[in-house]
C-alpha cells in the first residue's frame, strides 16, 4: 500500500524501511507534522502514518478522507490527538501500537527519579568546571520512601516492580486493577491518599477528558511539602502553571518532565537558534530542581524496532482483512 508518513526523522526512516524490507508497502516520508494545512500532502494515499504530536482533528481528517485516506496508522500508543468520532463518521479506521517497549519508559522514569534525587545533572556540570563541592547535592534514600504510582498499565506496573526492588513503600491508583500488582501485595488507594502520603508521585495513565490536568492546584495543595513529581506519560496530565506555582512555593521539591502540554511546538526539533515563545515552558527551565527532556523516554533501539514492525503489521493486516488486532474501536 502507498503510505504517507508524517513527522519523520532519520530514525523513523531507518526502522520503518527495515520493517518493509520486502517492499510490500511504498513509504513516502514527510518532515512536517500532520495538520489541516499539511494534510493535502497525503492526497491519494490510502494510509497515513502519524506520531504523537501530529493533529488528526476533524478538520484534518476531512481533508484526508476527501483525498482517499482509509487508514490512519499511529506509531504510538496514545491516541488523544485523534478525533475518533470524526474518523468513524468519515470512514477512516485507526490503528495504534499499544505496547512497544514498556521497559524503555519505565527504566527512563527510574533514571529521572535518581537523577533528580541525587542531583546528578548539577554534579556533572560542577565537576566539568572544577567544582567538587558537595554543598546543595544532598539527596535521600529511596529505600523506605513512599512512592505513589498513578496508572498501573504495563509501564506503571514495571515502574512499581522496580521501585519495590529499591525497598520503597508503594501506593498505586488506577480505575482498573492490575492482578500482577495485587499479587505483589501492593495496595490500591484513592488519589487523595496518593497525594497526601507520597514522597514521590509518578504518572503513567493515558490522557482522557477525566485525566486532563489531573495534577492541578487542588491536587498540589494536598501533596506533602517537597514532593517529587515525575511525568513520562502525557503532558496535559499536568497543569504547568499550577506546577510552576507549586515549585515557587516549595510544595513541589523537584519535577521531572519528559512530556509537556504544548510540546508539539517544541519537541523533536532543533530550536537552539530560535527564540522560544512559550513563557510557561521557559519559566520551568529556570528552576534548579526541574529536569526536562524532549519526549525521549521511549527512545531505545528495541522500542523503535517494535514500533516500526507493529505499525507495518497493522497496515498489512488491514490491507488483507479490513481489520487489525490493534484497531481502535
Protein backbone atom coordinates (compact mmCIF):
# COMPACT_ATOMS: atom_id res chain seq x y z
CA UNK A 1 0.00 0.00 0.00
CA UNK A 2 1.03 3.60 -0.51
CA UNK A 3 1.73 5.16 2.90
CA UNK A 4 2.28 8.84 3.75
CA UNK A 5 4.48 9.02 6.86
CA UNK A 6 4.40 12.37 8.68
CA UNK A 7 6.75 13.87 11.30
CA UNK A 8 9.62 11.71 10.16
CA UNK A 9 13.17 11.85 11.43
CA UNK A 10 16.16 9.82 10.31
CA UNK A 11 15.46 7.16 12.93
CA UNK A 12 11.86 6.76 11.71
CA UNK A 13 13.05 6.13 8.18
CA UNK A 14 15.72 3.68 9.31
CA UNK A 15 13.40 1.42 11.29
CA UNK A 16 10.31 1.69 9.06
CA UNK A 17 12.33 0.89 5.94
CA UNK A 18 13.85 -2.11 7.73
CA UNK A 19 10.35 -3.29 8.66
CA UNK A 20 9.30 -3.11 4.99
CA UNK A 21 12.37 -4.76 3.53
CA UNK A 22 10.12 -6.99 1.43
CA UNK A 23 8.90 -3.82 -0.38
CA UNK A 24 5.29 -4.82 0.28
CA UNK A 25 4.44 -1.19 1.03
CA UNK A 26 5.52 2.08 -0.57
CA UNK A 27 6.61 4.53 2.12
CA UNK A 28 6.72 8.25 1.32
CA UNK A 29 8.22 10.32 4.13
CA UNK A 30 7.20 13.87 5.01
CA UNK A 31 9.06 16.01 7.54
CA UNK A 32 6.16 18.28 8.63
CA UNK A 33 3.60 17.46 11.29
CA UNK A 34 0.20 16.42 10.02
CA UNK A 35 -2.47 19.10 10.40
CA UNK A 36 -5.28 20.56 8.29
CA UNK A 37 -2.78 22.59 6.26
CA UNK A 38 -0.33 19.77 5.51
CA UNK A 39 -2.96 17.04 5.02
CA UNK A 40 -3.07 17.84 1.30
CA UNK A 41 0.37 16.20 1.03
CA UNK A 42 -1.37 12.87 1.60
CA UNK A 43 -3.65 13.17 -1.44
CA UNK A 44 -4.27 9.73 -2.97
CA UNK A 45 -2.58 7.90 -0.08
CA UNK A 46 -4.87 5.18 1.32
CA UNK A 47 -2.77 5.09 4.52
CA UNK A 48 -1.44 7.96 6.61
CA UNK A 49 1.05 7.21 9.39
CA UNK A 50 1.43 9.71 12.24
CA UNK A 51 3.20 10.25 15.57
CA UNK A 52 2.33 11.79 18.95
CA UNK A 53 2.38 15.48 18.00
CA UNK A 54 0.51 15.22 14.72
CA UNK A 55 -3.01 16.65 14.66
CA UNK A 56 -5.79 14.37 13.47
CA UNK A 57 -8.71 16.59 14.39
CA UNK A 58 -11.98 16.70 12.46
CA UNK A 59 -10.76 19.36 10.01
CA UNK A 60 -7.62 17.39 9.19
CA UNK A 61 -9.49 14.12 8.85
CA UNK A 62 -11.97 15.71 6.46
CA UNK A 63 -9.12 16.67 4.14
CA UNK A 64 -7.65 13.17 4.35
CA UNK A 65 -10.98 11.46 3.70
CA UNK A 66 -11.72 13.68 0.71
CA UNK A 67 -8.38 12.64 -0.83
CA UNK A 68 -8.88 8.90 -0.36
CA UNK A 69 -7.36 8.02 3.02
CA UNK A 70 -8.93 4.92 4.58
CA UNK A 71 -6.50 4.11 7.38
CA UNK A 72 -4.73 6.23 10.00
CA UNK A 73 -1.78 4.29 11.45
CA UNK A 74 -0.40 5.66 14.71
CA UNK A 75 3.16 4.70 15.53
CA UNK A 76 2.50 5.32 19.22
CA UNK A 77 0.23 4.05 21.99
CA UNK A 78 -1.74 7.20 22.81
CA UNK A 79 -4.49 8.47 20.53
CA UNK A 80 -5.65 11.64 22.28
CA UNK A 81 -4.60 13.59 19.18
CA UNK A 82 -7.18 11.78 17.03
CA UNK A 83 -10.86 12.69 16.79
CA UNK A 84 -12.14 9.11 16.78
CA UNK A 85 -15.77 10.13 16.31
CA UNK A 86 -14.93 12.16 13.21
CA UNK A 87 -12.74 9.34 11.88
CA UNK A 88 -15.59 6.84 12.20
CA UNK A 89 -18.05 9.17 10.52
CA UNK A 90 -15.61 9.73 7.63
CA UNK A 91 -14.87 6.03 7.19
CA UNK A 92 -11.27 6.22 8.37
CA UNK A 93 -10.08 3.31 10.51
CA UNK A 94 -7.44 3.94 13.18
CA UNK A 95 -4.75 1.54 14.40
CA UNK A 96 -2.08 2.07 17.02
CA UNK A 97 0.93 0.47 18.72
CA UNK A 98 -0.44 -0.38 22.17
CA UNK A 99 2.83 -1.58 23.72
CA UNK A 100 6.17 -1.07 22.02
CA UNK A 101 8.59 -1.24 24.94
CA UNK A 102 7.13 -0.55 28.37
CA UNK A 103 10.54 -1.34 29.84
CA UNK A 104 12.08 1.63 27.98
CA UNK A 105 9.72 4.18 29.53
CA UNK A 106 9.76 2.52 32.95
CA UNK A 107 13.56 2.47 33.09
CA UNK A 108 13.69 6.10 31.99
CA UNK A 109 11.25 7.03 34.76
CA UNK A 110 13.59 5.49 37.33
CA UNK A 111 16.52 7.34 35.75
CA UNK A 112 14.69 10.65 36.17
CA UNK A 113 13.90 9.89 39.82
CA UNK A 114 17.53 9.03 40.60
CA UNK A 115 18.91 11.97 38.62
CA UNK A 116 16.69 14.48 40.39
CA UNK A 117 17.12 12.97 43.83
CA UNK A 118 20.91 12.72 43.70
CA UNK A 119 21.23 15.88 41.58
CA UNK A 120 23.45 14.19 39.03
CA UNK A 121 22.89 16.92 36.44
CA UNK A 122 24.23 19.57 38.82
CA UNK A 123 27.14 17.41 39.94
CA UNK A 124 28.12 16.71 36.33
CA UNK A 125 28.24 20.39 35.46
CA UNK A 126 30.15 21.27 38.64
CA UNK A 127 32.90 18.75 38.03
CA UNK A 128 33.34 19.97 34.46
CA UNK A 129 34.02 23.41 35.95
CA UNK A 130 36.46 22.04 38.53
CA UNK A 131 33.98 22.46 41.40
CA UNK A 132 33.98 19.39 43.66
CA UNK A 133 31.90 20.87 46.48
CA UNK A 134 29.06 18.70 47.78
CA UNK A 135 27.01 21.63 49.07
CA UNK A 136 23.48 21.52 47.67
CA UNK A 137 23.80 17.97 46.33
CA UNK A 138 22.27 16.06 49.22
CA UNK A 139 19.57 13.54 48.28
CA UNK A 140 17.65 10.90 50.20
CA UNK A 141 17.49 7.12 50.29
CA UNK A 142 14.74 5.69 48.10
CA UNK A 143 14.58 2.74 50.48
CA UNK A 144 11.67 3.29 52.84
CA UNK A 145 10.23 6.25 50.95
CA UNK A 146 6.59 6.26 49.84
CA UNK A 147 6.04 6.38 46.09
CA UNK A 148 2.62 6.89 44.50
CA UNK A 149 2.09 5.40 41.05
CA UNK A 150 -0.89 6.76 39.10
CA UNK A 151 -1.70 4.29 36.34
CA UNK A 152 -0.79 0.60 36.59
CA UNK A 153 -0.84 -0.49 32.98
CA UNK A 154 2.25 -2.17 31.55
CA UNK A 155 4.58 0.81 32.12
CA UNK A 156 3.24 1.68 35.56
CA UNK A 157 3.42 -1.97 36.60
CA UNK A 158 7.10 -2.23 35.64
CA UNK A 159 7.91 1.03 37.47
CA UNK A 160 6.15 -0.40 40.51
CA UNK A 161 8.14 -3.64 40.34
CA UNK A 162 11.46 -1.80 40.02
CA UNK A 163 10.71 0.50 42.94
CA UNK A 164 9.65 -2.46 45.06
CA UNK A 165 13.17 -3.75 44.48
CA UNK A 166 14.51 -0.47 45.89
CA UNK A 167 12.54 -1.12 49.07
CA UNK A 168 10.03 1.69 48.57
CA UNK A 169 6.60 1.78 50.18
CA UNK A 170 4.22 1.77 47.22
CA UNK A 171 0.73 3.17 46.77
CA UNK A 172 -1.00 2.75 43.42
CA UNK A 173 -4.10 4.12 41.75
CA UNK A 174 -5.93 3.07 38.61
CA UNK A 175 -9.56 2.79 37.56
CA UNK A 176 -8.73 -0.81 36.55
CA UNK A 177 -6.82 -3.03 38.96
CA UNK A 178 -3.83 -4.99 37.67
CA UNK A 179 -3.68 -8.52 39.15
CA UNK A 180 0.12 -8.51 38.80
CA UNK A 181 0.27 -5.52 41.14
CA UNK A 182 -2.10 -7.05 43.66
CA UNK A 183 -0.06 -10.27 43.60
CA UNK A 184 2.90 -8.24 44.88
CA UNK A 185 0.85 -7.23 47.91
CA UNK A 186 0.75 -3.59 46.85
CA UNK A 187 -2.24 -1.54 47.94
CA UNK A 188 -4.62 0.26 45.60
CA UNK A 189 -5.77 3.53 47.13
CA UNK A 190 -7.65 6.67 46.14
CA UNK A 191 -5.99 9.64 44.51
CA UNK A 192 -6.28 11.72 47.67
CA UNK A 193 -4.18 9.17 49.58
CA UNK A 194 -1.60 9.17 46.79
CA UNK A 195 -1.39 12.95 47.02
CA UNK A 196 -1.22 13.22 50.81
CA UNK A 197 1.18 10.36 51.62
CA UNK A 198 3.65 10.14 48.72
CA UNK A 199 7.21 11.44 48.75
CA UNK A 200 7.37 10.77 45.00
CA UNK A 201 4.46 10.71 42.54
CA UNK A 202 4.89 9.24 39.06
CA UNK A 203 2.27 9.48 36.31
CA UNK A 204 1.61 6.58 33.94
CA UNK A 205 -2.02 7.00 32.91
CA UNK A 206 -3.45 7.85 29.47
CA UNK A 207 -4.71 11.33 28.64
CA UNK A 208 -8.51 11.43 28.65
CA UNK A 209 -11.12 14.02 29.50
CA UNK A 210 -11.07 12.62 33.05
CA UNK A 211 -7.28 12.79 33.46
CA UNK A 212 -6.72 16.15 31.74
CA UNK A 213 -4.94 18.38 34.29
CA UNK A 214 -5.12 15.61 36.86
CA UNK A 215 -2.33 17.45 38.62
CA UNK A 216 -3.83 20.89 39.23
CA UNK A 217 -3.73 23.42 42.07
CA UNK A 218 -6.13 21.40 44.23
CA UNK A 219 -4.09 18.23 43.83
CA UNK A 220 -0.84 20.04 44.59
CA UNK A 221 -2.33 21.59 47.73
CA UNK A 222 -2.92 18.06 49.06
CA UNK A 223 0.66 16.92 48.48
CA UNK A 224 3.43 16.66 51.03
CA UNK A 225 5.81 19.61 51.12
CA UNK A 226 8.85 18.85 48.96
CA UNK A 227 7.18 16.12 46.91
CA UNK A 228 8.92 14.88 43.75
CA UNK A 229 6.65 14.79 40.69
CA UNK A 230 7.51 12.76 37.57
CA UNK A 231 5.63 12.69 34.26
CA UNK A 232 6.74 10.41 31.43
CA UNK A 233 3.19 9.83 30.15
CA UNK A 234 1.27 12.74 28.56
CA UNK A 235 1.96 16.42 29.04
CA UNK A 236 -1.59 17.58 29.65
CA UNK A 237 -1.92 15.39 32.74
CA UNK A 238 -0.24 18.33 34.44
CA UNK A 239 -1.37 21.93 34.65
CA UNK A 240 2.00 23.57 34.01
CA UNK A 241 1.02 26.92 35.50
CA UNK A 242 -0.16 25.27 38.72
CA UNK A 243 3.05 23.24 38.91
CA UNK A 244 5.09 26.41 38.44
CA UNK A 245 3.32 27.96 41.42
CA UNK A 246 3.96 24.76 43.38
CA UNK A 247 7.68 24.98 42.60
CA UNK A 248 7.85 28.62 43.65
CA UNK A 249 6.13 27.91 46.96
CA UNK A 250 8.33 24.89 47.70
CA UNK A 251 5.40 22.49 47.81
CA UNK A 252 6.95 20.68 44.84
CA UNK A 253 10.55 19.87 45.75
CA UNK A 254 11.56 18.57 42.34
CA UNK A 255 9.97 17.99 38.96
CA UNK A 256 10.87 15.63 36.14
CA UNK A 257 9.13 16.02 32.78
CA UNK A 258 9.70 14.08 29.58
CA UNK A 259 6.42 15.42 28.18
CA UNK A 260 4.82 18.85 28.12
CA UNK A 261 1.30 20.01 27.36
CA UNK A 262 2.31 22.20 24.44
CA UNK A 263 5.24 20.12 23.29
CA UNK A 264 4.02 19.88 19.69
CA UNK A 265 5.55 23.33 19.08
CA UNK A 266 8.83 22.35 20.70
CA UNK A 267 9.85 18.73 20.94
CA UNK A 268 11.65 16.68 18.27
CA UNK A 269 13.03 19.88 16.66
CA UNK A 270 16.32 21.77 17.00
CA UNK A 271 15.23 25.21 18.22
CA UNK A 272 18.64 26.22 19.57
CA UNK A 273 18.89 29.10 17.11
CA UNK A 274 15.40 30.49 17.74
CA UNK A 275 13.57 32.38 20.46
CA UNK A 276 11.11 30.05 22.20
CA UNK A 277 7.80 31.83 22.65
CA UNK A 278 6.28 29.59 25.33
CA UNK A 279 6.73 31.62 28.53
CA UNK A 280 5.45 28.85 30.81
CA UNK A 281 7.96 26.37 29.42
CA UNK A 282 10.78 28.90 29.69
CA UNK A 283 9.87 29.61 33.30
CA UNK A 284 10.06 25.91 34.13
CA UNK A 285 13.57 25.68 32.68
CA UNK A 286 14.82 28.33 35.14
CA UNK A 287 14.26 26.21 38.25
CA UNK A 288 17.36 24.37 39.53
CA UNK A 289 15.19 21.48 40.74
CA UNK A 290 13.47 20.82 37.39
CA UNK A 291 14.65 18.28 34.84
CA UNK A 292 13.02 18.44 31.39
CA UNK A 293 13.80 16.17 28.46
CA UNK A 294 12.26 16.17 24.99
CA UNK A 295 9.97 13.12 24.95
CA UNK A 296 12.79 10.60 24.77
CA UNK A 297 11.68 8.01 27.36
CA UNK A 298 10.59 5.66 24.55
CA UNK A 299 13.79 6.18 22.56
CA UNK A 300 15.59 2.82 22.54
CA UNK A 301 16.54 0.52 19.69
CA UNK A 302 14.11 -2.10 20.93
CA UNK A 303 11.22 0.35 21.13
CA UNK A 304 11.81 1.83 17.69
CA UNK A 305 12.06 -1.61 16.14
CA UNK A 306 8.83 -2.72 17.84
CA UNK A 307 7.02 0.47 16.82
CA UNK A 308 8.03 0.08 13.18
CA UNK A 309 7.27 -3.64 12.97
CA UNK A 310 3.90 -3.33 14.72
CA UNK A 311 2.92 -0.35 12.56
CA UNK A 312 3.70 -2.23 9.35
CA UNK A 313 1.93 -5.35 10.63
CA UNK A 314 -1.16 -3.29 11.47
CA UNK A 315 -1.23 -1.87 7.95
CA UNK A 316 -0.69 -5.27 6.33
CA UNK A 317 -3.47 -6.84 8.39
CA UNK A 318 -5.84 -4.04 7.43
CA UNK A 319 -4.94 -4.35 3.75
CA UNK A 320 -5.55 -8.09 3.77
CA UNK A 321 -8.60 -8.36 6.04
CA UNK A 322 -10.00 -4.88 6.57
CA UNK A 323 -9.27 -5.34 10.28
CA UNK A 324 -6.37 -5.44 12.75
CA UNK A 325 -5.91 -6.65 16.30
CA UNK A 326 -4.75 -3.12 17.14
CA UNK A 327 -7.73 -1.37 15.56
CA UNK A 328 -9.20 1.28 17.87
CA UNK A 329 -12.91 0.59 18.18
